[in-house]
Amino acid sequence: MTVQDVAGQLPGIAVLREHCRSLAILDAVLSPEWGDRYHSFNDNWSEGASMASMQNGSGDEYSIVFTAGGAYIRGFDHESPMSPYAEDGPWPGVLDEVPAVFRPCVEEPAFSDEDGMPLVTACMWRETGDDGWRTGTIDFPEETSEDPDGAEYLFQLLVDRSPEAFQEWAEDYYEVPVDLEAVRHVFASRPLTERVVSALNSEITLSDLARDIAHSGYPLS
């Protein structure tokens, strides 16, 4: 599966945004220590923009910027044969067709290394009014795996947005039992309650999450 396959399986911008917010809140409950989290969501990342992000602690990451103009997705698999370090720049086609409304995202320093190299192996975008997600025209390396740009791995929980998929992933990643009904509650974007928090992590309370909730914009009861 490549970024082009993933683009055909993503939901609309509003649905994706709420799903990303839910992922961030679930991680905040399961992992109170910020440095150990996988997903995050900043509802006020910059003026007029929100950002969802993922970092796995091993060099793989993605960022999704939501603006009035639409949404821009950048993914980076550090072991991908399409790494910009292999080509001394982004793989041909990955960024070439990004429309002008998202060029500031392409040039965003936070999405590059200290030398200004864009950290990207997969990119998607969707302008407001588009009928689907778009990618560049890319010749993928033929001799590599079925996931040459890392898109299948990076965006797995954006393609399979079921509570069961998150539960399976989280139990493996955090090595703790994860309450499926609590995950369903959060995935439905229902207001966070003390009961839901306790079901996911009995060692924290709703008040412990005040900063994370405000940061993400997730609803409270």
C-alpha atoms as a PDB file:
ATOM      1  CA  MET A   1       0.000   0.000   0.000  1.00  0.00           C
ATOM      2  CA  THR A   2       1.339   3.430  -0.966  1.00  0.00           C
ATOM      3  CA  VAL A   3       0.226   6.965  -0.198  1.00  0.00           C
ATOM      4  CA  GLN A   4      -2.005   6.814  -3.271  1.00  0.00           C
ATOM      5  CA  ASP A   5      -3.874   3.826  -1.816  1.00  0.00           C
ATOM      6  CA  VAL A   6      -4.165   5.505   1.591  1.00  0.00           C
ATOM      7  CA  ALA A   7      -5.555   8.685  -0.001  1.00  0.00           C
ATOM      8  CA  GLY A   8      -8.477   6.683  -1.374  1.00  0.00           C
ATOM      9  CA  GLN A   9      -9.367   5.363   2.096  1.00  0.00           C
ATOM     10  CA  LEU A  10      -9.286   8.519   4.197  1.00  0.00           C
ATOM     11  CA  PRO A  11     -12.543  10.192   5.281  1.00  0.00           C
ATOM     12  CA  GLY A  12     -13.491  13.831   4.784  1.00  0.00           C
ATOM     13  CA  ILE A  13     -11.530  16.561   6.508  1.00  0.00           C
ATOM     14  CA  ALA A  14     -13.981  17.100   9.388  1.00  0.00           C
ATOM     15  CA  VAL A  15     -14.176  13.388  10.201  1.00  0.00           C
ATOM     16  CA  LEU A  16     -10.397  12.994  10.051  1.00  0.00           C
ATOM     17  CA  ARG A  17      -9.894  16.001  12.305  1.00  0.00           C
ATOM     18  CA  GLU A  18     -12.176  14.623  15.021  1.00  0.00           C
ATOM     19  CA  HIS A  19     -10.599  11.188  14.742  1.00  0.00           C
ATOM     20  CA  CYS A  20      -7.134  12.685  15.234  1.00  0.00           C
ATOM     21  CA  ARG A  21      -8.367  14.656  18.234  1.00  0.00           C
ATOM     22  CA  SER A  22      -9.755  11.457  19.743  1.00  0.00           C
ATOM     23  CA  LEU A  23      -6.473   9.601  19.183  1.00  0.00           C
ATOM     24  CA  ALA A  24      -4.634  12.375  21.009  1.00  0.00           C
ATOM     25  CA  ILE A  25      -6.978  12.322  24.003  1.00  0.00           C
ATOM     26  CA  LEU A  26      -6.786   8.548  24.302  1.00  0.00           C
ATOM     27  CA  ASP A  27      -2.993   8.747  24.305  1.00  0.00           C
ATOM     28  CA  ALA A  28      -3.105  11.538  26.890  1.00  0.00           C
ATOM     29  CA  VAL A  29      -5.127   9.308  29.209  1.00  0.00           C
ATOM     30  CA  LEU A  30      -3.035   6.193  28.597  1.00  0.00           C
ATOM     31  CA  SER A  31       0.289   8.050  28.762  1.00  0.00           C
ATOM     32  CA  PRO A  32       0.232  11.074  31.104  1.00  0.00           C
ATOM     33  CA  GLU A  33       3.940  11.660  30.402  1.00  0.00           C
ATOM     34  CA  TRP A  34       4.076  13.842  27.287  1.00  0.00           C
ATOM     35  CA  GLY A  35       7.356  12.419  26.029  1.00  0.00           C
ATOM     36  CA  ASP A  36       5.977   8.875  25.813  1.00  0.00           C
ATOM     37  CA  ARG A  37       2.934   9.701  23.689  1.00  0.00           C
ATOM     38  CA  TYR A  38       2.376   8.604  20.122  1.00  0.00           C
ATOM     39  CA  HIS A  39      -0.419  10.966  19.019  1.00  0.00           C
ATOM     40  CA  SER A  40      -1.037  14.621  19.799  1.00  0.00           C
ATOM     41  CA  PHE A  41      -3.415  17.364  18.703  1.00  0.00           C
ATOM     42  CA  ASN A  42      -2.951  21.130  19.003  1.00  0.00           C
ATOM     43  CA  ASP A  43      -6.157  23.018  18.296  1.00  0.00           C
ATOM     44  CA  ASN A  44      -4.259  26.332  18.095  1.00  0.00           C
ATOM     45  CA  TRP A  45      -1.016  25.309  16.434  1.00  0.00           C
ATOM     46  CA  SER A  46      -0.781  28.640  14.615  1.00  0.00           C
ATOM     47  CA  GLU A  47      -3.162  31.412  13.645  1.00  0.00           C
ATOM     48  CA  GLY A  48      -6.135  29.754  11.971  1.00  0.00           C
ATOM     49  CA  ALA A  49      -4.564  26.290  11.963  1.00  0.00           C
ATOM     50  CA  SER A  50      -4.790  23.097  14.006  1.00  0.00           C
ATOM     51  CA  MET A  51      -2.308  20.234  13.817  1.00  0.00           C
ATOM     52  CA  ALA A  52      -2.461  16.531  14.520  1.00  0.00           C
ATOM     53  CA  SER A  53       0.815  14.700  14.824  1.00  0.00           C
ATOM     54  CA  MET A  54       2.361  11.306  15.438  1.00  0.00           C
ATOM     55  CA  GLN A  55       5.859  10.436  16.616  1.00  0.00           C
ATOM     56  CA  ASN A  56       6.853   6.872  17.395  1.00  0.00           C
ATOM     57  CA  GLY A  57      10.119   7.723  19.148  1.00  0.00           C
ATOM     58  CA  SER A  58      12.178   5.910  16.522  1.00  0.00           C
ATOM     59  CA  GLY A  59      12.257   8.613  13.872  1.00  0.00           C
ATOM     60  CA  ASP A  60       8.933   8.006  12.132  1.00  0.00           C
ATOM     61  CA  GLU A  61       6.295  10.726  12.224  1.00  0.00           C
ATOM     62  CA  TYR A  62       3.430  12.488  10.530  1.00  0.00           C
ATOM     63  CA  SER A  63       1.805  15.901  10.734  1.00  0.00           C
ATOM     64  CA  ILE A  64      -1.670  16.920   9.578  1.00  0.00           C
ATOM     65  CA  VAL A  65      -2.357  20.641   9.305  1.00  0.00           C
ATOM     66  CA  PHE A  66      -6.015  21.711   9.234  1.00  0.00           C
ATOM     67  CA  THR A  67      -6.736  25.212   7.906  1.00  0.00           C
ATOM     68  CA  ALA A  68      -9.623  27.102   6.320  1.00  0.00           C
ATOM     69  CA  GLY A  69      -8.127  26.083   2.978  1.00  0.00           C
ATOM     70  CA  GLY A  70      -8.308  22.356   3.709  1.00  0.00           C
ATOM     71  CA  ALA A  71      -5.839  19.851   5.130  1.00  0.00           C
ATOM     72  CA  TYR A  72      -2.238  18.889   4.403  1.00  0.00           C
ATOM     73  CA  ILE A  73      -0.647  15.579   5.464  1.00  0.00           C
ATOM     74  CA  ARG A  74       3.073  14.903   5.656  1.00  0.00           C
ATOM     75  CA  GLY A  75       4.506  11.529   6.646  1.00  0.00           C
ATOM     76  CA  PHE A  76       8.117  10.481   7.185  1.00  0.00           C
ATOM     77  CA  ASP A  77       9.371   6.891   7.411  1.00  0.00           C
ATOM     78  CA  HIS A  78      13.062   7.146   8.296  1.00  0.00           C
ATOM     79  CA  GLU A  79      13.820   3.682   6.846  1.00  0.00           C
ATOM     80  CA  SER A  80      11.941   4.213   3.586  1.00  0.00           C
ATOM     81  CA  PRO A  81      13.919   3.866   0.342  1.00  0.00           C
ATOM     82  CA  MET A  82      12.177   7.127  -0.590  1.00  0.00           C
ATOM     83  CA  SER A  83      13.858   9.009   2.257  1.00  0.00           C
ATOM     84  CA  PRO A  84      15.045  12.488   1.244  1.00  0.00           C
ATOM     85  CA  TYR A  85      18.465  11.514   2.585  1.00  0.00           C
ATOM     86  CA  ALA A  86      18.716   8.795  -0.069  1.00  0.00           C
ATOM     87  CA  GLU A  87      17.994  11.262  -2.862  1.00  0.00           C
ATOM     88  CA  ASP A  88      19.474  14.423  -1.315  1.00  0.00           C
ATOM     89  CA  GLY A  89      15.972  15.846  -1.389  1.00  0.00           C
ATOM     90  CA  PRO A  90      12.319  14.727  -1.428  1.00  0.00           C
ATOM     91  CA  TRP A  91      11.548  11.814  -3.771  1.00  0.00           C
ATOM     92  CA  PRO A  92      10.427  13.142  -7.184  1.00  0.00           C
ATOM     93  CA  GLY A  93       6.684  13.797  -7.282  1.00  0.00           C
ATOM     94  CA  VAL A  94       6.043  13.654  -3.542  1.00  0.00           C
ATOM     95  CA  LEU A  95       5.856  17.439  -3.106  1.00  0.00           C
ATOM     96  CA  ASP A  96       5.965  18.744  -6.670  1.00  0.00           C
ATOM     97  CA  GLU A  97       2.199  19.098  -7.140  1.00  0.00           C
ATOM     98  CA  VAL A  98       1.233  20.460  -3.726  1.00  0.00           C
ATOM     99  CA  PRO A  99      -1.065  23.440  -4.457  1.00  0.00           C
ATOM    100  CA  ALA A 100      -0.148  26.992  -3.494  1.00  0.00           C
ATOM    101  CA  VAL A 101      -2.524  27.063  -0.519  1.00  0.00           C
ATOM    102  CA  PHE A 102      -0.362  24.415   1.186  1.00  0.00           C
ATOM    103  CA  ARG A 103       3.100  25.609   0.125  1.00  0.00           C
ATOM    104  CA  PRO A 104       3.661  27.194   3.564  1.00  0.00           C
ATOM    105  CA  CYS A 105       3.287  23.679   4.998  1.00  0.00           C
ATOM    106  CA  VAL A 106       5.869  22.327   2.553  1.00  0.00           C
ATOM    107  CA  GLU A 107       8.271  25.056   3.658  1.00  0.00           C
ATOM    108  CA  GLU A 108       7.430  24.845   7.379  1.00  0.00           C
ATOM    109  CA  PRO A 109      10.694  24.592   9.377  1.00  0.00           C
ATOM    110  CA  ALA A 110       9.051  22.251  11.900  1.00  0.00           C
ATOM    111  CA  PHE A 111       8.691  19.684   9.116  1.00  0.00           C
ATOM    112  CA  SER A 112      12.378  19.787   8.150  1.00  0.00           C
ATOM    113  CA  ASP A 113      15.653  18.877   9.816  1.00  0.00           C
ATOM    114  CA  GLU A 114      18.146  21.381  11.187  1.00  0.00           C
ATOM    115  CA  ASP A 115      19.663  21.804   7.712  1.00  0.00           C
ATOM    116  CA  GLY A 116      16.325  22.552   6.079  1.00  0.00           C
ATOM    117  CA  MET A 117      15.840  19.097   4.531  1.00  0.00           C
ATOM    118  CA  PRO A 118      12.074  18.341   4.312  1.00  0.00           C
ATOM    119  CA  LEU A 119      11.327  15.232   6.358  1.00  0.00           C
ATOM    120  CA  VAL A 120       8.817  13.596   4.026  1.00  0.00           C
ATOM    121  CA  THR A 121       8.332  10.289   2.248  1.00  0.00           C
ATOM    122  CA  ALA A 122       4.542  10.547   1.797  1.00  0.00           C
ATOM    123  CA  CYS A 123       2.273  13.539   1.248  1.00  0.00           C
ATOM    124  CA  MET A 124      -1.466  14.070   0.759  1.00  0.00           C
ATOM    125  CA  TRP A 125      -3.692  17.110   0.650  1.00  0.00           C
ATOM    126  CA  ARG A 126      -7.330  18.053   0.274  1.00  0.00           C
ATOM    127  CA  GLU A 127      -8.546  21.548  -0.430  1.00  0.00           C
ATOM    128  CA  THR A 128     -11.915  22.705   0.857  1.00  0.00           C
ATOM    129  CA  GLY A 129     -14.405  21.690  -1.807  1.00  0.00           C
ATOM    130  CA  ASP A 130     -12.317  18.807  -3.177  1.00  0.00           C
ATOM    131  CA  ASP A 131     -14.117  15.501  -3.550  1.00  0.00           C
ATOM    132  CA  GLY A 132     -11.159  13.483  -2.261  1.00  0.00           C
ATOM    133  CA  TRP A 133      -7.564  13.436  -1.087  1.00  0.00           C
ATOM    134  CA  ARG A 134      -4.828  14.038  -3.618  1.00  0.00           C
ATOM    135  CA  THR A 135      -1.192  13.022  -4.009  1.00  0.00           C
ATOM    136  CA  GLY A 136       1.573  13.746  -6.442  1.00  0.00           C
ATOM    137  CA  THR A 137       2.400  11.711  -9.531  1.00  0.00           C
ATOM    138  CA  ILE A 138       5.063   9.335  -8.232  1.00  0.00           C
ATOM    139  CA  ASP A 139       7.186   6.567  -9.698  1.00  0.00           C
ATOM    140  CA  PHE A 140       7.666   4.324  -6.696  1.00  0.00           C
ATOM    141  CA  PRO A 141      10.827   2.219  -6.413  1.00  0.00           C
ATOM    142  CA  GLU A 142      10.005  -1.141  -7.964  1.00  0.00           C
ATOM    143  CA  GLU A 143      12.477  -3.348  -6.152  1.00  0.00           C
ATOM    144  CA  THR A 144      11.253  -2.589  -2.644  1.00  0.00           C
ATOM    145  CA  SER A 145       8.403  -3.711  -0.402  1.00  0.00           C
ATOM    146  CA  GLU A 146       4.686  -3.051  -0.829  1.00  0.00           C
ATOM    147  CA  ASP A 147       5.043  -0.078   1.548  1.00  0.00           C
ATOM    148  CA  PRO A 148       7.840   1.885  -0.138  1.00  0.00           C
ATOM    149  CA  ASP A 149       6.938   5.294   1.301  1.00  0.00           C
ATOM    150  CA  GLY A 150       5.861   4.036   4.732  1.00  0.00           C
ATOM    151  CA  ALA A 151       2.273   5.188   4.210  1.00  0.00           C
ATOM    152  CA  GLU A 152       0.671   1.869   5.172  1.00  0.00           C
ATOM    153  CA  TYR A 153       2.527   1.810   8.484  1.00  0.00           C
ATOM    154  CA  LEU A 154       2.373   5.526   9.266  1.00  0.00           C
ATOM    155  CA  PHE A 155      -1.334   5.999   8.608  1.00  0.00           C
ATOM    156  CA  GLN A 156      -2.684   2.621   9.730  1.00  0.00           C
ATOM    157  CA  LEU A 157      -4.936   4.108  12.431  1.00  0.00           C
ATOM    158  CA  LEU A 158      -6.256   6.732  10.023  1.00  0.00           C
ATOM    159  CA  VAL A 159      -7.252   4.091   7.480  1.00  0.00           C
ATOM    160  CA  ASP A 160      -8.722   1.650  10.015  1.00  0.00           C
ATOM    161  CA  ARG A 161     -10.549   4.009  12.341  1.00  0.00           C
ATOM    162  CA  SER A 162     -12.360   1.325  14.315  1.00  0.00           C
ATOM    163  CA  PRO A 163     -12.188   1.251  18.126  1.00  0.00           C
ATOM    164  CA  GLU A 164     -11.020  -2.350  17.864  1.00  0.00           C
ATOM    165  CA  ALA A 165      -8.013  -1.355  15.751  1.00  0.00           C
ATOM    166  CA  PHE A 166      -6.980   1.262  18.298  1.00  0.00           C
ATOM    167  CA  GLN A 167      -7.493  -1.125  21.194  1.00  0.00           C
ATOM    168  CA  GLU A 168      -5.260  -3.732  19.548  1.00  0.00           C
ATOM    169  CA  TRP A 169      -2.584  -1.171  18.735  1.00  0.00           C
ATOM    170  CA  ALA A 170      -2.639   0.491  22.164  1.00  0.00           C
ATOM    171  CA  GLU A 171      -2.490  -2.769  24.099  1.00  0.00           C
ATOM    172  CA  ASP A 172       0.597  -3.704  22.110  1.00  0.00           C
ATOM    173  CA  TYR A 173       2.229  -0.267  22.341  1.00  0.00           C
ATOM    174  CA  TYR A 174       1.473   0.549  25.992  1.00  0.00           C
ATOM    175  CA  GLU A 175       1.377  -3.070  27.191  1.00  0.00           C
ATOM    176  CA  VAL A 176      -1.748  -2.549  29.288  1.00  0.00           C
ATOM    177  CA  PRO A 177      -5.389  -3.639  28.887  1.00  0.00           C
ATOM    178  CA  VAL A 178      -7.458  -1.004  27.074  1.00  0.00           C
ATOM    179  CA  ASP A 179     -11.190  -0.729  27.741  1.00  0.00           C
ATOM    180  CA  LEU A 180     -13.019  -1.011  24.402  1.00  0.00           C
ATOM    181  CA  GLU A 181     -16.192   0.792  25.524  1.00  0.00           C
ATOM    182  CA  ALA A 182     -14.139   3.751  26.710  1.00  0.00           C
ATOM    183  CA  VAL A 183     -12.392   3.884  23.336  1.00  0.00           C
ATOM    184  CA  ARG A 184     -15.772   3.832  21.608  1.00  0.00           C
ATOM    185  CA  HIS A 185     -16.910   6.717  23.796  1.00  0.00           C
ATOM    186  CA  VAL A 186     -13.928   8.856  22.821  1.00  0.00           C
ATOM    187  CA  PHE A 187     -14.064   7.867  19.137  1.00  0.00           C
ATOM    188  CA  ALA A 188     -17.662   9.099  19.113  1.00  0.00           C
ATOM    189  CA  SER A 189     -16.357  12.483  20.387  1.00  0.00           C
ATOM    190  CA  ARG A 190     -18.673  12.283  23.374  1.00  0.00           C
ATOM    191  CA  PRO A 191     -17.713  14.525  26.325  1.00  0.00           C
ATOM    192  CA  LEU A 192     -14.946  13.117  28.476  1.00  0.00           C
ATOM    193  CA  THR A 193     -16.081  11.964  31.923  1.00  0.00           C
ATOM    194  CA  GLU A 194     -14.450  10.734  35.099  1.00  0.00           C
ATOM    195  CA  ARG A 195     -15.807   7.252  34.436  1.00  0.00           C
ATOM    196  CA  VAL A 196     -14.248   7.029  30.980  1.00  0.00           C
ATOM    197  CA  VAL A 197     -10.885   8.303  32.229  1.00  0.00           C
ATOM    198  CA  SER A 198     -10.868   5.805  35.087  1.00  0.00           C
ATOM    199  CA  ALA A 199     -11.778   2.927  32.769  1.00  0.00           C
ATOM    200  CA  LEU A 200      -8.724   3.708  30.665  1.00  0.00           C
ATOM    201  CA  ASN A 201      -6.310   4.659  33.438  1.00  0.00           C
ATOM    202  CA  SER A 202      -7.292   4.349  37.103  1.00  0.00           C
ATOM    203  CA  GLU A 203      -4.173   6.261  38.205  1.00  0.00           C
ATOM    204  CA  ILE A 204      -5.303   9.661  36.883  1.00  0.00           C
ATOM    205  CA  THR A 205      -8.420  11.823  37.110  1.00  0.00           C
ATOM    206  CA  LEU A 206     -10.230  14.132  34.758  1.00  0.00           C
ATOM    207  CA  SER A 207      -8.652  17.168  36.387  1.00  0.00           C
ATOM    208  CA  ASP A 208      -5.189  15.784  35.596  1.00  0.00           C
ATOM    209  CA  LEU A 209      -6.083  16.123  31.910  1.00  0.00           C
ATOM    210  CA  ALA A 210      -7.231  19.741  32.037  1.00  0.00           C
ATOM    211  CA  ARG A 211      -4.269  21.060  30.065  1.00  0.00           C
ATOM    212  CA  ASP A 212      -4.462  18.312  27.433  1.00  0.00           C
ATOM    213  CA  ILE A 213      -8.193  18.812  26.983  1.00  0.00           C
ATOM    214  CA  ALA A 214      -7.793  22.553  26.551  1.00  0.00           C
ATOM    215  CA  HIS A 215      -4.838  22.037  24.205  1.00  0.00           C
ATOM    216  CA  SER A 216      -6.792  19.660  21.963  1.00  0.00           C
ATOM    217  CA  GLY A 217     -10.226  21.265  22.170  1.00  0.00           C
ATOM    218  CA  TYR A 218     -11.852  17.943  23.081  1.00  0.00           C
ATOM    219  CA  PRO A 219     -15.344  18.372  24.641  1.00  0.00           C
ATOM    220  CA  LEU A 220     -16.007  18.054  28.364  1.00  0.00           C
ATOM    221  CA  SER A 221     -19.306  17.139  29.993  1.00  0.00           C
END
